[in-house]
Amino acid sequence: MRTRTIEVKGMSCNHCVQSVTRALSGIEGLTNVKVDLTFGTATYDETKPVADDVVKAAIERIGFTAGNYR
């Protein structure tokens, strides 16, 4: 298992945080999703490899911009 953190741009409220959390939690292989509004990031654990493009697409599908991994 590895932990990843990705930038999420465009979040402005707790509803945004909940939306990103839901979107990432719905991806098979991702657990312990934590979205931080202040830092504009989403951190999650991978229980199996998940392609970066899959995560970025889930973020962008709900109207936010996926940035770089940290």
PDB file of N, CA and C in Angstrom:
ATOM      1  N   MET A   1       0.853  -1.170   0.000  1.00  0.00           N
ATOM      2  CA  MET A   1       0.000   0.000   0.000  1.00  0.00           C
ATOM      3  C   MET A   1       0.898   1.232   0.000  1.00  0.00           C
ATOM      4  N   ARG A   2       0.506   2.224  -0.797  1.00  0.00           N
ATOM      5  CA  ARG A   2       1.250   3.482  -0.787  1.00  0.00           C
ATOM      6  C   ARG A   2       0.277   4.642  -0.642  1.00  0.00           C
ATOM      7  N   THR A   3       0.786   5.731  -0.095  1.00  0.00           N
ATOM      8  CA  THR A   3      -0.009   6.934   0.108  1.00  0.00           C
ATOM      9  C   THR A   3       0.395   7.955  -0.948  1.00  0.00           C
ATOM     10  N   ARG A   4      -0.613   8.589  -1.560  1.00  0.00           N
ATOM     11  CA  ARG A   4      -0.375   9.584  -2.601  1.00  0.00           C
ATOM     12  C   ARG A   4      -1.094  10.874  -2.235  1.00  0.00           C
ATOM     13  N   THR A   5      -0.565  12.004  -2.685  1.00  0.00           N
ATOM     14  CA  THR A   5      -1.197  13.308  -2.504  1.00  0.00           C
ATOM     15  C   THR A   5      -1.187  14.033  -3.840  1.00  0.00           C
ATOM     16  N   ILE A   6      -2.362  14.526  -4.237  1.00  0.00           N
ATOM     17  CA  ILE A   6      -2.495  15.245  -5.493  1.00  0.00           C
ATOM     18  C   ILE A   6      -3.115  16.618  -5.227  1.00  0.00           C
ATOM     19  N   GLU A   7      -2.687  17.609  -5.994  1.00  0.00           N
ATOM     20  CA  GLU A   7      -3.268  18.944  -5.889  1.00  0.00           C
ATOM     21  C   GLU A   7      -4.655  18.938  -6.536  1.00  0.00           C
ATOM     22  N   VAL A   8      -5.591  19.620  -5.896  1.00  0.00           N
ATOM     23  CA  VAL A   8      -6.934  19.790  -6.453  1.00  0.00           C
ATOM     24  C   VAL A   8      -7.219  21.289  -6.461  1.00  0.00           C
ATOM     25  N   LYS A   9      -7.349  21.838  -7.662  1.00  0.00           N
ATOM     26  CA  LYS A   9      -7.552  23.282  -7.804  1.00  0.00           C
ATOM     27  C   LYS A   9      -9.020  23.588  -8.057  1.00  0.00           C
ATOM     28  N   GLY A  10      -9.488  24.681  -7.454  1.00  0.00           N
ATOM     29  CA  GLY A  10     -10.850  25.140  -7.680  1.00  0.00           C
ATOM     30  C   GLY A  10     -11.805  24.887  -6.526  1.00  0.00           C
ATOM     31  N   MET A  11     -11.334  24.266  -5.460  1.00  0.00           N
ATOM     32  CA  MET A  11     -12.199  24.030  -4.297  1.00  0.00           C
ATOM     33  C   MET A  11     -12.324  25.315  -3.492  1.00  0.00           C
ATOM     34  N   SER A  12     -13.560  25.602  -3.022  1.00  0.00           N
ATOM     35  CA  SER A  12     -13.755  26.830  -2.254  1.00  0.00           C
ATOM     36  C   SER A  12     -14.599  26.645  -0.998  1.00  0.00           C
ATOM     37  N   CYS A  13     -15.121  25.426  -0.774  1.00  0.00           N
ATOM     38  CA  CYS A  13     -15.995  25.230   0.378  1.00  0.00           C
ATOM     39  C   CYS A  13     -16.014  23.756   0.796  1.00  0.00           C
ATOM     40  N   ASN A  14     -16.707  23.484   1.888  1.00  0.00           N
ATOM     41  CA  ASN A  14     -16.778  22.102   2.373  1.00  0.00           C
ATOM     42  C   ASN A  14     -17.574  21.194   1.438  1.00  0.00           C
ATOM     43  N   HIS A  15     -18.503  21.769   0.686  1.00  0.00           N
ATOM     44  CA  HIS A  15     -19.233  20.972  -0.295  1.00  0.00           C
ATOM     45  C   HIS A  15     -18.260  20.462  -1.361  1.00  0.00           C
ATOM     46  N   CYS A  16     -17.314  21.294  -1.754  1.00  0.00           N
ATOM     47  CA  CYS A  16     -16.281  20.888  -2.707  1.00  0.00           C
ATOM     48  C   CYS A  16     -15.474  19.720  -2.146  1.00  0.00           C
ATOM     49  N   VAL A  17     -15.100  19.833  -0.885  1.00  0.00           N
ATOM     50  CA  VAL A  17     -14.333  18.777  -0.222  1.00  0.00           C
ATOM     51  C   VAL A  17     -15.125  17.463  -0.245  1.00  0.00           C
ATOM     52  N   GLN A  18     -16.404  17.543   0.069  1.00  0.00           N
ATOM     53  CA  GLN A  18     -17.240  16.344   0.074  1.00  0.00           C
ATOM     54  C   GLN A  18     -17.358  15.743  -1.320  1.00  0.00           C
ATOM     55  N   SER A  19     -17.472  16.581  -2.333  1.00  0.00           N
ATOM     56  CA  SER A  19     -17.583  16.095  -3.707  1.00  0.00           C
ATOM     57  C   SER A  19     -16.322  15.359  -4.148  1.00  0.00           C
ATOM     58  N   VAL A  20     -15.168  15.927  -3.856  1.00  0.00           N
ATOM     59  CA  VAL A  20     -13.902  15.293  -4.230  1.00  0.00           C
ATOM     60  C   VAL A  20     -13.715  13.999  -3.433  1.00  0.00           C
ATOM     61  N   THR A  21     -14.057  14.037  -2.153  1.00  0.00           N
ATOM     62  CA  THR A  21     -13.945  12.836  -1.319  1.00  0.00           C
ATOM     63  C   THR A  21     -14.796  11.709  -1.883  1.00  0.00           C
ATOM     64  N   ARG A  22     -16.033  12.023  -2.247  1.00  0.00           N
ATOM     65  CA  ARG A  22     -16.935  11.011  -2.832  1.00  0.00           C
ATOM     66  C   ARG A  22     -16.393  10.460  -4.145  1.00  0.00           C
ATOM     67  N   ALA A  23     -15.921  11.361  -4.989  1.00  0.00           N
ATOM     68  CA  ALA A  23     -15.419  10.945  -6.304  1.00  0.00           C
ATOM     69  C   ALA A  23     -14.229   9.998  -6.174  1.00  0.00           C
ATOM     70  N   LEU A  24     -13.303  10.327  -5.286  1.00  0.00           N
ATOM     71  CA  LEU A  24     -12.114   9.480  -5.134  1.00  0.00           C
ATOM     72  C   LEU A  24     -12.420   8.208  -4.369  1.00  0.00           C
ATOM     73  N   SER A  25     -13.315   8.291  -3.411  1.00  0.00           N
ATOM     74  CA  SER A  25     -13.681   7.091  -2.641  1.00  0.00           C
ATOM     75  C   SER A  25     -14.385   6.059  -3.518  1.00  0.00           C
ATOM     76  N   GLY A  26     -14.971   6.509  -4.626  1.00  0.00           N
ATOM     77  CA  GLY A  26     -15.659   5.605  -5.533  1.00  0.00           C
ATOM     78  C   GLY A  26     -14.740   4.847  -6.469  1.00  0.00           C
ATOM     79  N   ILE A  27     -13.457   5.123  -6.431  1.00  0.00           N
ATOM     80  CA  ILE A  27     -12.495   4.439  -7.292  1.00  0.00           C
ATOM     81  C   ILE A  27     -11.991   3.186  -6.575  1.00  0.00           C
ATOM     82  N   GLU A  28     -12.156   2.053  -7.218  1.00  0.00           N
ATOM     83  CA  GLU A  28     -11.695   0.793  -6.628  1.00  0.00           C
ATOM     84  C   GLU A  28     -10.181   0.845  -6.437  1.00  0.00           C
ATOM     85  N   GLY A  29      -9.753   0.519  -5.236  1.00  0.00           N
ATOM     86  CA  GLY A  29      -8.333   0.522  -4.918  1.00  0.00           C
ATOM     87  C   GLY A  29      -7.894   1.719  -4.090  1.00  0.00           C
ATOM     88  N   LEU A  30      -8.767   2.725  -3.933  1.00  0.00           N
ATOM     89  CA  LEU A  30      -8.424   3.890  -3.117  1.00  0.00           C
ATOM     90  C   LEU A  30      -9.167   3.827  -1.796  1.00  0.00           C
ATOM     91  N   THR A  31      -8.453   4.082  -0.702  1.00  0.00           N
ATOM     92  CA  THR A  31      -9.052   4.105   0.631  1.00  0.00           C
ATOM     93  C   THR A  31      -8.502   5.302   1.403  1.00  0.00           C
ATOM     94  N   ASN A  32      -9.101   5.561   2.537  1.00  0.00           N
ATOM     95  CA  ASN A  32      -8.636   6.628   3.445  1.00  0.00           C
ATOM     96  C   ASN A  32      -8.451   7.961   2.727  1.00  0.00           C
ATOM     97  N   VAL A  33      -9.444   8.342   1.925  1.00  0.00           N
ATOM     98  CA  VAL A  33      -9.374   9.603   1.186  1.00  0.00           C
ATOM     99  C   VAL A  33      -9.569  10.762   2.153  1.00  0.00           C
ATOM    100  N   LYS A  34      -8.634  11.715   2.115  1.00  0.00           N
ATOM    101  CA  LYS A  34      -8.712  12.910   2.950  1.00  0.00           C
ATOM    102  C   LYS A  34      -8.444  14.106   2.046  1.00  0.00           C
ATOM    103  N   VAL A  35      -9.399  15.028   2.005  1.00  0.00           N
ATOM    104  CA  VAL A  35      -9.280  16.207   1.162  1.00  0.00           C
ATOM    105  C   VAL A  35      -9.090  17.420   2.066  1.00  0.00           C
ATOM    106  N   ASP A  36      -8.083  18.222   1.766  1.00  0.00           N
ATOM    107  CA  ASP A  36      -7.742  19.381   2.578  1.00  0.00           C
ATOM    108  C   ASP A  36      -8.014  20.653   1.778  1.00  0.00           C
ATOM    109  N   LEU A  37      -9.017  21.400   2.195  1.00  0.00           N
ATOM    110  CA  LEU A  37      -9.420  22.633   1.514  1.00  0.00           C
ATOM    111  C   LEU A  37      -8.326  23.692   1.612  1.00  0.00           C
ATOM    112  N   THR A  38      -7.722  23.831   2.770  1.00  0.00           N
ATOM    113  CA  THR A  38      -6.705  24.858   2.989  1.00  0.00           C
ATOM    114  C   THR A  38      -5.507  24.686   2.064  1.00  0.00           C
ATOM    115  N   PHE A  39      -5.034  23.453   1.936  1.00  0.00           N
ATOM    116  CA  PHE A  39      -3.853  23.193   1.110  1.00  0.00           C
ATOM    117  C   PHE A  39      -4.206  22.839  -0.327  1.00  0.00           C
ATOM    118  N   GLY A  40      -5.493  22.598  -0.608  1.00  0.00           N
ATOM    119  CA  GLY A  40      -5.915  22.248  -1.959  1.00  0.00           C
ATOM    120  C   GLY A  40      -5.363  20.916  -2.413  1.00  0.00           C
ATOM    121  N   THR A  41      -5.453  19.924  -1.517  1.00  0.00           N
ATOM    122  CA  THR A  41      -4.918  18.604  -1.841  1.00  0.00           C
ATOM    123  C   THR A  41      -5.901  17.495  -1.484  1.00  0.00           C
ATOM    124  N   ALA A  42      -5.654  16.348  -2.091  1.00  0.00           N
ATOM    125  CA  ALA A  42      -6.357  15.123  -1.727  1.00  0.00           C
ATOM    126  C   ALA A  42      -5.292  14.058  -1.493  1.00  0.00           C
ATOM    127  N   THR A  43      -5.389  13.399  -0.364  1.00  0.00           N
ATOM    128  CA  THR A  43      -4.450  12.341  -0.006  1.00  0.00           C
ATOM    129  C   THR A  43      -5.236  11.048   0.124  1.00  0.00           C
ATOM    130  N   TYR A  44      -4.666   9.962  -0.363  1.00  0.00           N
ATOM    131  CA  TYR A  44      -5.347   8.672  -0.307  1.00  0.00           C
ATOM    132  C   TYR A  44      -4.329   7.551  -0.271  1.00  0.00           C
ATOM    133  N   ASP A  45      -4.798   6.387   0.162  1.00  0.00           N
ATOM    134  CA  ASP A  45      -3.986   5.172   0.143  1.00  0.00           C
ATOM    135  C   ASP A  45      -4.427   4.322  -1.030  1.00  0.00           C
ATOM    136  N   GLU A  46      -3.474   3.697  -1.695  1.00  0.00           N
ATOM    137  CA  GLU A  46      -3.773   2.757  -2.767  1.00  0.00           C
ATOM    138  C   GLU A  46      -3.619   1.342  -2.213  1.00  0.00           C
ATOM    139  N   THR A  47      -4.691   0.557  -2.284  1.00  0.00           N
ATOM    140  CA  THR A  47      -4.598  -0.845  -1.873  1.00  0.00           C
ATOM    141  C   THR A  47      -4.157  -1.711  -3.044  1.00  0.00           C
ATOM    142  N   LYS A  48      -4.246  -1.150  -4.248  1.00  0.00           N
ATOM    143  CA  LYS A  48      -3.705  -1.756  -5.462  1.00  0.00           C
ATOM    144  C   LYS A  48      -3.373  -0.600  -6.394  1.00  0.00           C
ATOM    145  N   PRO A  49      -2.506  -0.805  -7.362  1.00  0.00           N
ATOM    146  CA  PRO A  49      -2.130   0.310  -8.236  1.00  0.00           C
ATOM    147  C   PRO A  49      -3.331   0.895  -8.984  1.00  0.00           C
ATOM    148  N   VAL A  50      -3.418   2.219  -8.978  1.00  0.00           N
ATOM    149  CA  VAL A  50      -4.454   2.947  -9.705  1.00  0.00           C
ATOM    150  C   VAL A  50      -3.731   3.971 -10.574  1.00  0.00           C
ATOM    151  N   ALA A  51      -4.036   3.987 -11.859  1.00  0.00           N
ATOM    152  CA  ALA A  51      -3.374   4.905 -12.789  1.00  0.00           C
ATOM    153  C   ALA A  51      -3.671   6.359 -12.416  1.00  0.00           C
ATOM    154  N   ASP A  52      -2.656   7.200 -12.532  1.00  0.00           N
ATOM    155  CA  ASP A  52      -2.815   8.628 -12.247  1.00  0.00           C
ATOM    156  C   ASP A  52      -3.942   9.229 -13.084  1.00  0.00           C
ATOM    157  N   ASP A  53      -4.050   8.798 -14.328  1.00  0.00           N
ATOM    158  CA  ASP A  53      -5.093   9.332 -15.221  1.00  0.00           C
ATOM    159  C   ASP A  53      -6.490   9.053 -14.703  1.00  0.00           C
ATOM    160  N   VAL A  54      -6.685   7.925 -14.038  1.00  0.00           N
ATOM    161  CA  VAL A  54      -7.997   7.575 -13.486  1.00  0.00           C
ATOM    162  C   VAL A  54      -8.368   8.549 -12.371  1.00  0.00           C
ATOM    163  N   VAL A  55      -7.425   8.843 -11.513  1.00  0.00           N
ATOM    164  CA  VAL A  55      -7.656   9.763 -10.403  1.00  0.00           C
ATOM    165  C   VAL A  55      -7.911  11.175 -10.941  1.00  0.00           C
ATOM    166  N   LYS A  56      -7.075  11.616 -11.859  1.00  0.00           N
ATOM    167  CA  LYS A  56      -7.231  12.956 -12.424  1.00  0.00           C
ATOM    168  C   LYS A  56      -8.573  13.100 -13.142  1.00  0.00           C
ATOM    169  N   ALA A  57      -8.981  12.074 -13.873  1.00  0.00           N
ATOM    170  CA  ALA A  57     -10.262  12.126 -14.597  1.00  0.00           C
ATOM    171  C   ALA A  57     -11.434  12.237 -13.625  1.00  0.00           C
ATOM    172  N   ALA A  58     -11.365  11.535 -12.501  1.00  0.00           N
ATOM    173  CA  ALA A  58     -12.441  11.593 -11.508  1.00  0.00           C
ATOM    174  C   ALA A  58     -12.555  12.992 -10.923  1.00  0.00           C
ATOM    175  N   ILE A  59     -11.437  13.639 -10.686  1.00  0.00           N
ATOM    176  CA  ILE A  59     -11.431  15.000 -10.146  1.00  0.00           C
ATOM    177  C   ILE A  59     -11.992  15.978 -11.181  1.00  0.00           C
ATOM    178  N   GLU A  60     -11.556  15.831 -12.412  1.00  0.00           N
ATOM    179  CA  GLU A  60     -11.972  16.775 -13.454  1.00  0.00           C
ATOM    180  C   GLU A  60     -13.418  16.556 -13.890  1.00  0.00           C
ATOM    181  N   ARG A  61     -13.906  15.338 -13.780  1.00  0.00           N
ATOM    182  CA  ARG A  61     -15.294  15.033 -14.142  1.00  0.00           C
ATOM    183  C   ARG A  61     -16.283  15.806 -13.275  1.00  0.00           C
ATOM    184  N   ILE A  62     -15.878  16.148 -12.040  1.00  0.00           N
ATOM    185  CA  ILE A  62     -16.796  16.868 -11.147  1.00  0.00           C
ATOM    186  C   ILE A  62     -16.510  18.375 -11.114  1.00  0.00           C
ATOM    187  N   GLY A  63     -15.673  18.838 -12.043  1.00  0.00           N
ATOM    188  CA  GLY A  63     -15.509  20.268 -12.219  1.00  0.00           C
ATOM    189  C   GLY A  63     -14.297  20.925 -11.592  1.00  0.00           C
ATOM    190  N   PHE A  64     -13.358  20.134 -11.096  1.00  0.00           N
ATOM    191  CA  PHE A  64     -12.147  20.698 -10.503  1.00  0.00           C
ATOM    192  C   PHE A  64     -10.956  20.381 -11.402  1.00  0.00           C
ATOM    193  N   THR A  65      -9.831  21.010 -11.126  1.00  0.00           N
ATOM    194  CA  THR A  65      -8.630  20.768 -11.899  1.00  0.00           C
ATOM    195  C   THR A  65      -7.661  19.944 -11.075  1.00  0.00           C
ATOM    196  N   ALA A  66      -7.215  18.836 -11.645  1.00  0.00           N
ATOM    197  CA  ALA A  66      -6.236  17.986 -10.978  1.00  0.00           C
ATOM    198  C   ALA A  66      -4.844  18.521 -11.313  1.00  0.00           C
ATOM    199  N   GLY A  67      -4.072  18.783 -10.273  1.00  0.00           N
ATOM    200  CA  GLY A  67      -2.729  19.302 -10.458  1.00  0.00           C
ATOM    201  C   GLY A  67      -1.688  18.200 -10.382  1.00  0.00           C
ATOM    202  N   ASN A  68      -0.560  18.541  -9.851  1.00  0.00           N
ATOM    203  CA  ASN A  68       0.569  17.614  -9.750  1.00  0.00           C
ATOM    204  C   ASN A  68       0.484  16.770  -8.485  1.00  0.00           C
ATOM    205  N   TYR A  69       1.158  15.646  -8.533  1.00  0.00           N
ATOM    206  CA  TYR A  69       1.317  14.839  -7.316  1.00  0.00           C
ATOM    207  C   TYR A  69       2.457  15.421  -6.509  1.00  0.00           C
ATOM    208  N   ARG A  70       2.343  15.309  -5.205  1.00  0.00           N
ATOM    209  CA  ARG A  70       3.398  15.808  -4.301  1.00  0.00           C
ATOM    210  C   ARG A  70       4.098  14.647  -3.655  1.00  0.00           C
TER     211      ARG A  70
END
